[in-house]
N, C-alpha and C. Protein backbone atom coordinates (compact mmCIF):
# COMPACT_ATOMS: atom_id res chain seq x y z
N MET A 1 18.09 -19.33 -6.15
CA MET A 1 18.41 -19.45 -4.74
C MET A 1 18.65 -18.06 -4.17
N LYS A 2 18.09 -17.80 -3.02
CA LYS A 2 18.21 -16.49 -2.39
C LYS A 2 19.50 -16.41 -1.59
N SER A 3 20.06 -15.20 -1.57
CA SER A 3 21.21 -14.99 -0.71
C SER A 3 20.72 -14.84 0.73
N THR A 4 21.63 -14.93 1.66
CA THR A 4 21.27 -14.82 3.07
C THR A 4 20.63 -13.47 3.36
N ASN A 5 21.12 -12.39 2.73
CA ASN A 5 20.57 -11.06 2.96
C ASN A 5 19.13 -10.96 2.48
N GLU A 6 18.80 -11.62 1.36
CA GLU A 6 17.43 -11.55 0.86
C GLU A 6 16.49 -12.40 1.68
N ALA A 7 16.96 -13.56 2.13
CA ALA A 7 16.10 -14.46 2.90
C ALA A 7 15.82 -13.89 4.29
N ASN A 8 16.82 -13.25 4.89
CA ASN A 8 16.68 -12.65 6.21
C ASN A 8 16.95 -11.16 6.11
N PRO A 9 15.89 -10.36 5.90
CA PRO A 9 16.11 -8.93 5.74
C PRO A 9 16.72 -8.33 7.00
N SER A 10 17.47 -7.27 6.80
CA SER A 10 18.12 -6.63 7.93
C SER A 10 17.08 -6.10 8.91
N LYS A 11 17.49 -6.02 10.17
CA LYS A 11 16.59 -5.49 11.19
C LYS A 11 16.25 -4.03 10.90
N ALA A 12 17.21 -3.28 10.39
CA ALA A 12 16.96 -1.87 10.08
C ALA A 12 15.90 -1.75 8.99
N ARG A 13 15.98 -2.59 7.97
CA ARG A 13 14.99 -2.56 6.88
C ARG A 13 13.61 -2.91 7.43
N THR A 14 13.54 -3.95 8.23
CA THR A 14 12.26 -4.37 8.80
C THR A 14 11.67 -3.28 9.69
N TRP A 15 12.50 -2.67 10.54
CA TRP A 15 11.99 -1.62 11.43
C TRP A 15 11.60 -0.37 10.66
N ALA A 16 12.34 -0.04 9.61
CA ALA A 16 11.95 1.10 8.78
C ALA A 16 10.59 0.85 8.15
N GLY A 17 10.38 -0.38 7.69
CA GLY A 17 9.07 -0.74 7.13
C GLY A 17 7.97 -0.66 8.16
N ARG A 18 8.25 -1.07 9.38
CA ARG A 18 7.24 -1.01 10.45
C ARG A 18 6.90 0.44 10.81
N VAL A 19 7.93 1.29 10.89
CA VAL A 19 7.69 2.70 11.22
C VAL A 19 6.83 3.36 10.14
N LEU A 20 7.16 3.11 8.88
CA LEU A 20 6.32 3.64 7.80
C LEU A 20 4.91 3.08 7.89
N GLY A 21 4.81 1.81 8.27
CA GLY A 21 3.50 1.17 8.43
C GLY A 21 2.65 1.83 9.50
N VAL A 22 3.27 2.34 10.55
CA VAL A 22 2.52 3.04 11.60
C VAL A 22 1.89 4.31 11.03
N PHE A 23 2.65 5.07 10.25
CA PHE A 23 2.10 6.29 9.65
C PHE A 23 0.96 5.97 8.68
N VAL A 24 1.15 4.93 7.91
CA VAL A 24 0.11 4.50 6.96
C VAL A 24 -1.15 4.08 7.72
N THR A 25 -0.95 3.31 8.77
CA THR A 25 -2.10 2.85 9.58
C THR A 25 -2.85 4.03 10.17
N LEU A 26 -2.14 4.99 10.71
CA LEU A 26 -2.78 6.16 11.28
C LEU A 26 -3.57 6.93 10.22
N ALA A 27 -3.01 7.04 9.02
CA ALA A 27 -3.70 7.77 7.95
C ALA A 27 -4.98 7.04 7.54
N PHE A 28 -4.90 5.73 7.35
CA PHE A 28 -6.09 4.98 6.95
C PHE A 28 -7.13 4.95 8.08
N MET A 29 -6.67 4.80 9.31
CA MET A 29 -7.61 4.80 10.44
C MET A 29 -8.32 6.15 10.54
N GLY A 30 -7.57 7.23 10.41
CA GLY A 30 -8.16 8.56 10.47
C GLY A 30 -9.18 8.77 9.36
N SER A 31 -8.85 8.31 8.18
CA SER A 31 -9.76 8.44 7.05
C SER A 31 -11.05 7.65 7.28
N ALA A 32 -10.90 6.41 7.70
CA ALA A 32 -12.08 5.56 7.91
C ALA A 32 -12.93 6.07 9.07
N ILE A 33 -12.30 6.47 10.15
CA ILE A 33 -13.06 6.96 11.32
C ILE A 33 -13.80 8.25 10.97
N SER A 34 -13.17 9.11 10.18
CA SER A 34 -13.86 10.35 9.80
C SER A 34 -15.10 10.06 8.94
N LYS A 35 -15.02 9.00 8.14
CA LYS A 35 -16.19 8.60 7.34
C LYS A 35 -17.27 8.00 8.25
N LEU A 36 -16.85 7.12 9.16
CA LEU A 36 -17.81 6.47 10.06
C LEU A 36 -18.46 7.48 11.01
N ALA A 37 -17.71 8.51 11.39
CA ALA A 37 -18.24 9.54 12.30
C ALA A 37 -19.09 10.57 11.55
N HIS A 38 -19.17 10.42 10.25
CA HIS A 38 -19.96 11.34 9.42
C HIS A 38 -19.55 12.80 9.64
N LEU A 39 -18.25 13.04 9.63
CA LEU A 39 -17.78 14.42 9.77
C LEU A 39 -18.31 15.24 8.59
N PRO A 40 -18.97 16.36 8.87
CA PRO A 40 -19.61 17.14 7.81
C PRO A 40 -18.68 17.50 6.64
N LYS A 41 -17.45 17.90 6.93
CA LYS A 41 -16.53 18.29 5.86
C LYS A 41 -16.21 17.09 4.97
N VAL A 42 -16.01 15.93 5.58
CA VAL A 42 -15.69 14.72 4.81
C VAL A 42 -16.89 14.33 3.94
N ILE A 43 -18.07 14.32 4.53
CA ILE A 43 -19.28 13.97 3.79
C ILE A 43 -19.50 14.93 2.63
N GLU A 44 -19.31 16.22 2.88
CA GLU A 44 -19.49 17.23 1.83
C GLU A 44 -18.52 17.01 0.67
N GLU A 45 -17.25 16.76 1.00
CA GLU A 45 -16.25 16.57 -0.05
C GLU A 45 -16.53 15.31 -0.87
N LEU A 46 -16.92 14.24 -0.21
CA LEU A 46 -17.18 13.00 -0.93
C LEU A 46 -18.44 13.09 -1.79
N THR A 47 -19.48 13.72 -1.27
CA THR A 47 -20.70 13.86 -2.07
C THR A 47 -20.48 14.83 -3.23
N ARG A 48 -19.66 15.85 -3.03
CA ARG A 48 -19.34 16.78 -4.11
C ARG A 48 -18.58 16.06 -5.23
N ALA A 49 -17.80 15.03 -4.85
CA ALA A 49 -17.06 14.26 -5.85
C ALA A 49 -17.94 13.21 -6.53
N GLY A 50 -19.21 13.12 -6.10
CA GLY A 50 -20.14 12.21 -6.75
C GLY A 50 -20.40 10.91 -6.02
N ILE A 51 -19.87 10.75 -4.83
CA ILE A 51 -20.10 9.54 -4.05
C ILE A 51 -21.39 9.72 -3.26
N PRO A 52 -22.35 8.80 -3.42
CA PRO A 52 -23.60 8.93 -2.68
C PRO A 52 -23.35 8.80 -1.17
N GLU A 53 -24.09 9.56 -0.40
CA GLU A 53 -23.90 9.55 1.06
C GLU A 53 -24.08 8.14 1.64
N GLY A 54 -24.99 7.36 1.06
CA GLY A 54 -25.22 6.00 1.54
C GLY A 54 -24.06 5.05 1.29
N ALA A 55 -23.12 5.43 0.44
CA ALA A 55 -21.97 4.58 0.14
C ALA A 55 -20.78 4.87 1.04
N ILE A 56 -20.85 5.93 1.82
CA ILE A 56 -19.67 6.35 2.59
C ILE A 56 -19.33 5.37 3.70
N VAL A 57 -20.30 4.88 4.44
CA VAL A 57 -20.02 3.90 5.50
C VAL A 57 -19.48 2.59 4.92
N PRO A 58 -20.09 2.03 3.86
CA PRO A 58 -19.50 0.83 3.27
C PRO A 58 -18.06 1.05 2.77
N ILE A 59 -17.78 2.24 2.26
CA ILE A 59 -16.42 2.54 1.81
C ILE A 59 -15.47 2.53 3.01
N ALA A 60 -15.91 3.08 4.14
CA ALA A 60 -15.08 3.09 5.35
C ALA A 60 -14.84 1.66 5.85
N ILE A 61 -15.86 0.83 5.78
CA ILE A 61 -15.71 -0.58 6.20
C ILE A 61 -14.74 -1.30 5.28
N LEU A 62 -14.85 -1.04 3.97
CA LEU A 62 -13.90 -1.61 3.01
C LEU A 62 -12.48 -1.17 3.33
N GLU A 63 -12.32 0.10 3.62
CA GLU A 63 -11.00 0.66 3.96
C GLU A 63 -10.42 -0.04 5.18
N LEU A 64 -11.22 -0.20 6.22
CA LEU A 64 -10.75 -0.87 7.44
C LEU A 64 -10.46 -2.35 7.20
N SER A 65 -11.25 -2.99 6.36
CA SER A 65 -11.03 -4.41 6.05
C SER A 65 -9.70 -4.60 5.31
N CYS A 66 -9.45 -3.76 4.32
CA CYS A 66 -8.18 -3.84 3.59
C CYS A 66 -7.00 -3.52 4.50
N LEU A 67 -7.19 -2.55 5.40
CA LEU A 67 -6.14 -2.21 6.36
C LEU A 67 -5.85 -3.38 7.29
N ALA A 68 -6.89 -4.08 7.73
CA ALA A 68 -6.69 -5.24 8.61
C ALA A 68 -5.86 -6.30 7.89
N LEU A 69 -6.17 -6.55 6.62
CA LEU A 69 -5.37 -7.52 5.86
C LEU A 69 -3.92 -7.06 5.72
N TYR A 70 -3.74 -5.77 5.57
CA TYR A 70 -2.39 -5.20 5.47
C TYR A 70 -1.61 -5.37 6.78
N LEU A 71 -2.30 -5.29 7.90
CA LEU A 71 -1.63 -5.35 9.19
C LEU A 71 -1.35 -6.77 9.68
N ILE A 72 -2.11 -7.73 9.22
CA ILE A 72 -1.89 -9.13 9.63
C ILE A 72 -0.71 -9.67 8.82
N PRO A 73 0.35 -10.10 9.49
CA PRO A 73 1.55 -10.52 8.75
C PRO A 73 1.29 -11.56 7.66
N ARG A 74 0.44 -12.51 7.91
CA ARG A 74 0.19 -13.57 6.95
C ARG A 74 -0.54 -13.08 5.69
N THR A 75 -1.31 -12.01 5.80
CA THR A 75 -2.09 -11.50 4.66
C THR A 75 -1.62 -10.11 4.22
N SER A 76 -0.47 -9.70 4.70
CA SER A 76 0.01 -8.34 4.46
C SER A 76 0.23 -8.03 2.98
N VAL A 77 0.75 -8.98 2.22
CA VAL A 77 0.99 -8.73 0.80
C VAL A 77 -0.34 -8.56 0.08
N LEU A 78 -1.32 -9.40 0.38
CA LEU A 78 -2.65 -9.23 -0.20
C LEU A 78 -3.23 -7.87 0.18
N GLY A 79 -3.12 -7.50 1.46
CA GLY A 79 -3.59 -6.20 1.92
C GLY A 79 -2.91 -5.06 1.20
N THR A 80 -1.63 -5.22 0.90
CA THR A 80 -0.89 -4.19 0.16
C THR A 80 -1.51 -3.97 -1.21
N PHE A 81 -1.81 -5.06 -1.91
CA PHE A 81 -2.40 -4.93 -3.24
C PHE A 81 -3.81 -4.36 -3.17
N LEU A 82 -4.59 -4.77 -2.19
CA LEU A 82 -5.94 -4.24 -2.06
C LEU A 82 -5.93 -2.75 -1.71
N LEU A 83 -5.04 -2.36 -0.80
CA LEU A 83 -4.94 -0.94 -0.45
C LEU A 83 -4.41 -0.11 -1.62
N THR A 84 -3.58 -0.71 -2.46
CA THR A 84 -3.11 -0.01 -3.64
C THR A 84 -4.29 0.34 -4.55
N GLY A 85 -5.21 -0.61 -4.72
CA GLY A 85 -6.42 -0.35 -5.49
C GLY A 85 -7.30 0.70 -4.83
N TYR A 86 -7.41 0.61 -3.50
CA TYR A 86 -8.22 1.58 -2.76
C TYR A 86 -7.64 2.98 -2.95
N ILE A 87 -6.32 3.10 -2.85
CA ILE A 87 -5.66 4.40 -3.01
C ILE A 87 -5.89 4.93 -4.42
N GLY A 88 -5.90 4.04 -5.41
CA GLY A 88 -6.19 4.47 -6.78
C GLY A 88 -7.57 5.13 -6.86
N GLY A 89 -8.55 4.53 -6.19
CA GLY A 89 -9.88 5.12 -6.14
C GLY A 89 -9.89 6.45 -5.41
N ALA A 90 -9.12 6.55 -4.35
CA ALA A 90 -9.04 7.81 -3.61
C ALA A 90 -8.42 8.91 -4.46
N ILE A 91 -7.41 8.55 -5.24
CA ILE A 91 -6.78 9.54 -6.12
C ILE A 91 -7.79 10.04 -7.15
N VAL A 92 -8.54 9.11 -7.74
CA VAL A 92 -9.56 9.50 -8.72
C VAL A 92 -10.61 10.40 -8.07
N THR A 93 -11.03 10.05 -6.85
CA THR A 93 -12.02 10.86 -6.14
C THR A 93 -11.49 12.27 -5.90
N HIS A 94 -10.22 12.40 -5.54
CA HIS A 94 -9.63 13.72 -5.34
C HIS A 94 -9.57 14.50 -6.66
N ILE A 95 -9.27 13.82 -7.74
CA ILE A 95 -9.22 14.51 -9.03
C ILE A 95 -10.60 14.99 -9.42
N ILE A 96 -11.62 14.14 -9.25
CA ILE A 96 -12.99 14.53 -9.59
C ILE A 96 -13.44 15.71 -8.72
N GLY A 97 -13.08 15.67 -7.44
CA GLY A 97 -13.45 16.76 -6.53
C GLY A 97 -12.59 17.99 -6.66
N ARG A 98 -11.70 17.99 -7.65
CA ARG A 98 -10.79 19.12 -7.90
C ARG A 98 -9.95 19.47 -6.67
N GLN A 99 -9.48 18.41 -6.02
CA GLN A 99 -8.59 18.56 -4.87
C GLN A 99 -7.22 18.02 -5.25
N SER A 100 -6.24 18.36 -4.46
CA SER A 100 -4.90 17.83 -4.69
C SER A 100 -4.92 16.32 -4.45
N PHE A 101 -4.35 15.57 -5.38
CA PHE A 101 -4.27 14.13 -5.18
C PHE A 101 -2.94 13.72 -4.55
N ALA A 102 -2.13 14.70 -4.17
CA ALA A 102 -0.84 14.41 -3.54
C ALA A 102 -0.98 13.65 -2.22
N PRO A 103 -1.93 14.02 -1.32
CA PRO A 103 -2.01 13.27 -0.06
C PRO A 103 -2.28 11.77 -0.24
N PRO A 104 -3.29 11.34 -1.03
CA PRO A 104 -3.46 9.90 -1.16
C PRO A 104 -2.31 9.24 -1.92
N LEU A 105 -1.71 9.96 -2.85
CA LEU A 105 -0.56 9.41 -3.56
C LEU A 105 0.60 9.15 -2.60
N MET A 106 0.85 10.12 -1.71
CA MET A 106 1.94 9.95 -0.74
C MET A 106 1.66 8.78 0.22
N ILE A 107 0.41 8.67 0.67
CA ILE A 107 0.05 7.55 1.55
C ILE A 107 0.26 6.23 0.82
N GLY A 108 -0.14 6.18 -0.45
CA GLY A 108 0.05 4.97 -1.24
C GLY A 108 1.52 4.62 -1.41
N LEU A 109 2.34 5.61 -1.66
CA LEU A 109 3.78 5.35 -1.80
C LEU A 109 4.39 4.88 -0.48
N LEU A 110 4.00 5.52 0.63
CA LEU A 110 4.49 5.08 1.94
C LEU A 110 4.03 3.67 2.27
N MET A 111 2.77 3.37 1.93
CA MET A 111 2.22 2.04 2.19
C MET A 111 2.99 0.97 1.43
N PHE A 112 3.23 1.24 0.14
CA PHE A 112 3.95 0.24 -0.64
C PHE A 112 5.41 0.14 -0.19
N ALA A 113 6.03 1.26 0.15
CA ALA A 113 7.41 1.24 0.64
C ALA A 113 7.51 0.43 1.93
N SER A 114 6.56 0.60 2.82
CA SER A 114 6.53 -0.15 4.07
C SER A 114 6.48 -1.65 3.80
N ALA A 115 5.57 -2.06 2.92
CA ALA A 115 5.44 -3.48 2.61
C ALA A 115 6.68 -3.98 1.87
N TYR A 116 7.24 -3.18 0.99
CA TYR A 116 8.42 -3.55 0.22
C TYR A 116 9.61 -3.81 1.16
N LEU A 117 9.75 -2.97 2.17
CA LEU A 117 10.84 -3.14 3.12
C LEU A 117 10.65 -4.35 4.01
N ARG A 118 9.40 -4.71 4.30
CA ARG A 118 9.13 -5.81 5.22
C ARG A 118 9.02 -7.18 4.56
N HIS A 119 8.74 -7.24 3.27
CA HIS A 119 8.42 -8.52 2.63
C HIS A 119 9.33 -8.82 1.45
N ALA A 120 10.08 -9.91 1.56
CA ALA A 120 10.97 -10.33 0.47
C ALA A 120 10.17 -10.68 -0.78
N GLU A 121 8.93 -11.17 -0.62
CA GLU A 121 8.10 -11.53 -1.78
C GLU A 121 7.89 -10.32 -2.68
N LEU A 122 7.64 -9.17 -2.09
CA LEU A 122 7.44 -7.96 -2.90
C LEU A 122 8.74 -7.53 -3.56
N ARG A 123 9.84 -7.71 -2.87
CA ARG A 123 11.13 -7.35 -3.47
C ARG A 123 11.44 -8.27 -4.65
N ASP A 124 10.96 -9.52 -4.61
CA ASP A 124 11.14 -10.43 -5.75
C ASP A 124 10.24 -10.03 -6.92
N TRP A 125 9.00 -9.63 -6.63
CA TRP A 125 8.04 -9.28 -7.68
C TRP A 125 8.36 -7.91 -8.29
N VAL A 126 8.84 -7.00 -7.47
CA VAL A 126 9.14 -5.64 -7.92
C VAL A 126 10.60 -5.37 -7.59
N PRO A 127 11.50 -5.89 -8.42
CA PRO A 127 12.92 -5.74 -8.10
C PRO A 127 13.39 -4.30 -8.23
N SER A 128 14.36 -3.93 -7.43
CA SER A 128 14.93 -2.59 -7.53
C SER A 128 15.92 -2.57 -8.69
N ARG A 129 16.31 -1.40 -9.08
CA ARG A 129 17.23 -1.25 -10.20
C ARG A 129 18.56 -1.95 -9.92
N THR A 130 19.04 -1.87 -8.66
CA THR A 130 20.32 -2.49 -8.34
C THR A 130 20.21 -4.01 -8.38
N SER A 131 19.08 -4.58 -7.98
CA SER A 131 18.95 -6.04 -8.03
C SER A 131 18.83 -6.53 -9.46
N LEU A 132 18.30 -5.68 -10.35
CA LEU A 132 18.23 -6.06 -11.76
C LEU A 132 19.63 -6.12 -12.37
N HIS A 133 20.47 -5.15 -11.99
CA HIS A 133 21.83 -5.13 -12.55
C HIS A 133 22.68 -6.25 -11.99
N SER A 134 22.51 -6.55 -10.71
CA SER A 134 23.36 -7.58 -10.12
C SER A 134 22.82 -8.98 -10.32
N GLY A 135 21.51 -9.16 -10.21
CA GLY A 135 20.96 -10.50 -10.26
C GLY A 135 20.23 -10.84 -11.53
N GLY A 136 19.84 -9.84 -12.28
CA GLY A 136 19.03 -10.10 -13.46
C GLY A 136 19.74 -10.94 -14.50
N LYS A 137 21.01 -10.65 -14.76
CA LYS A 137 21.76 -11.39 -15.76
C LYS A 137 22.01 -12.81 -15.30
N LEU A 138 22.32 -12.99 -14.02
CA LEU A 138 22.56 -14.32 -13.49
C LEU A 138 21.30 -15.17 -13.60
N ARG A 139 20.16 -14.62 -13.24
CA ARG A 139 18.91 -15.36 -13.34
C ARG A 139 18.63 -15.74 -14.79
N HIS A 140 18.91 -14.82 -15.72
CA HIS A 140 18.66 -15.10 -17.13
C HIS A 140 19.54 -16.26 -17.59
N ARG A 141 20.79 -16.26 -17.18
CA ARG A 141 21.70 -17.35 -17.56
C ARG A 141 21.23 -18.67 -16.97
N GLU A 142 20.82 -18.64 -15.68
CA GLU A 142 20.35 -19.86 -15.03
C GLU A 142 19.14 -20.41 -15.75
N MET A 143 18.24 -19.53 -16.16
CA MET A 143 17.03 -19.97 -16.85
C MET A 143 17.36 -20.55 -18.22
N SER A 144 18.30 -19.94 -18.96
CA SER A 144 18.62 -20.43 -20.29
C SER A 144 19.38 -21.76 -20.24
N VAL A 145 20.16 -21.98 -19.19
CA VAL A 145 20.89 -23.24 -19.04
C VAL A 145 19.92 -24.38 -18.72
N SER A 146 18.92 -24.08 -17.89
CA SER A 146 18.01 -25.14 -17.45
C SER A 146 16.96 -25.49 -18.49
N THR A 147 16.72 -24.60 -19.48
CA THR A 147 15.68 -24.88 -20.47
C THR A 147 16.21 -25.49 -21.72
């Protein structure tokens, strides 16, 4: 059974998640638009990393599709997981291109933090250290009593 605080997240937590979500959205939109606009620097970096030029527009469409799922409240958790995979690919692309992978890593961390703050489901799946100490033992006892 969830406590009232877990069932109804604080307004501050929700707004912090939304603010982080704005930054994440701007980053993904900028990335996708630069691919769709065929900016020479972006095309050069991606092709140097081994991505065929013909794959760049489909990658941008994939990026926008995952972002749309992330932004729609009903599909936001699914979008979070899909964007996490997308960010993993971006990190690998940066490593192959001998570029710093810090920017996509930071966007990925902000993206997940935004979703974590906004969605109780993610907080249940990925508990924080404090929730493990306070609730983990109680849940274990409840499970052992019922089985």
